N, C-alpha and C. Protein backbone atom coordinates (compact mmCIF):
# COMPACT_ATOMS: atom_id res chain seq x y z
N LEU A 1 -20.83 -31.84 -24.70
CA LEU A 1 -19.32 -31.95 -24.45
C LEU A 1 -18.84 -33.15 -25.44
N LYS A 2 -17.71 -32.53 -25.76
CA LYS A 2 -16.73 -33.45 -26.52
C LYS A 2 -16.51 -34.61 -25.83
N GLU A 3 -16.02 -35.61 -26.35
CA GLU A 3 -15.42 -36.76 -25.47
C GLU A 3 -13.79 -36.33 -24.80
N SER A 4 -13.49 -35.73 -25.46
CA SER A 4 -11.90 -35.16 -24.98
C SER A 4 -12.13 -34.46 -23.80
N GLU A 5 -13.19 -33.42 -23.89
CA GLU A 5 -13.72 -32.44 -23.15
C GLU A 5 -13.89 -33.11 -21.92
N VAL A 6 -14.96 -34.07 -21.88
CA VAL A 6 -15.35 -34.82 -20.40
C VAL A 6 -14.10 -35.55 -20.02
N GLN A 7 -13.19 -36.02 -20.86
CA GLN A 7 -12.11 -36.63 -19.94
C GLN A 7 -11.05 -35.72 -19.18
N MET A 8 -11.11 -34.47 -20.20
CA MET A 8 -10.31 -33.63 -19.51
C MET A 8 -10.99 -32.87 -18.20
N ASN A 9 -12.22 -33.12 -17.96
CA ASN A 9 -12.99 -32.52 -17.00
C ASN A 9 -12.93 -33.35 -15.78
N ARG A 10 -12.93 -34.96 -16.09
CA ARG A 10 -12.71 -35.90 -15.10
C ARG A 10 -11.13 -35.82 -14.53
N GLU A 11 -10.17 -35.59 -15.26
CA GLU A 11 -9.11 -35.30 -14.99
C GLU A 11 -8.90 -34.20 -13.94
N THR A 12 -9.35 -32.96 -14.47
CA THR A 12 -9.26 -31.90 -13.33
C THR A 12 -9.94 -31.97 -12.03
N ILE A 13 -11.19 -33.05 -12.20
CA ILE A 13 -11.86 -33.13 -10.70
C ILE A 13 -11.17 -33.95 -10.02
N SER A 14 -10.56 -35.37 -10.55
CA SER A 14 -9.70 -35.96 -10.02
C SER A 14 -8.52 -35.31 -9.23
N LYS A 15 -8.13 -34.27 -9.91
CA LYS A 15 -6.94 -33.53 -9.48
C LYS A 15 -7.08 -32.53 -8.32
N THR A 16 -8.54 -32.26 -8.33
CA THR A 16 -8.89 -30.95 -7.61
C THR A 16 -10.36 -31.02 -7.14
N PRO A 17 -10.53 -32.01 -5.96
CA PRO A 17 -11.69 -32.46 -5.34
C PRO A 17 -12.80 -31.26 -5.20
N GLU A 18 -11.94 -29.93 -4.68
CA GLU A 18 -12.83 -29.13 -4.54
C GLU A 18 -14.17 -28.93 -5.49
N ILE A 19 -13.77 -29.17 -6.97
CA ILE A 19 -14.74 -28.83 -7.77
C ILE A 19 -16.10 -29.46 -7.77
N ILE A 20 -15.71 -30.81 -7.24
CA ILE A 20 -17.38 -31.55 -6.74
C ILE A 20 -17.78 -30.89 -6.04
N VAL A 21 -17.28 -30.08 -4.93
CA VAL A 21 -18.24 -29.59 -3.75
C VAL A 21 -18.57 -27.85 -4.71
N LEU A 22 -17.59 -27.33 -5.07
CA LEU A 22 -18.11 -26.14 -5.56
C LEU A 22 -18.86 -25.98 -7.00
N LYS A 23 -18.52 -27.11 -7.73
CA LYS A 23 -19.39 -27.08 -9.26
C LYS A 23 -19.86 -28.44 -9.36
N PRO A 24 -21.07 -28.95 -8.50
CA PRO A 24 -21.65 -30.29 -8.61
C PRO A 24 -22.15 -30.62 -9.99
N ALA A 25 -22.59 -29.38 -10.66
CA ALA A 25 -23.19 -29.83 -11.89
C ALA A 25 -22.60 -30.04 -13.00
N LEU A 26 -21.12 -29.97 -12.96
CA LEU A 26 -20.43 -30.57 -13.94
C LEU A 26 -20.30 -32.08 -13.91
């Protein structure tokens, strides 16, 4: 992943904690 994509993923995870449960591989 590009650094910008990683940052976007971190922001998404921080906004939607369910992602941590549903997609722990991310």
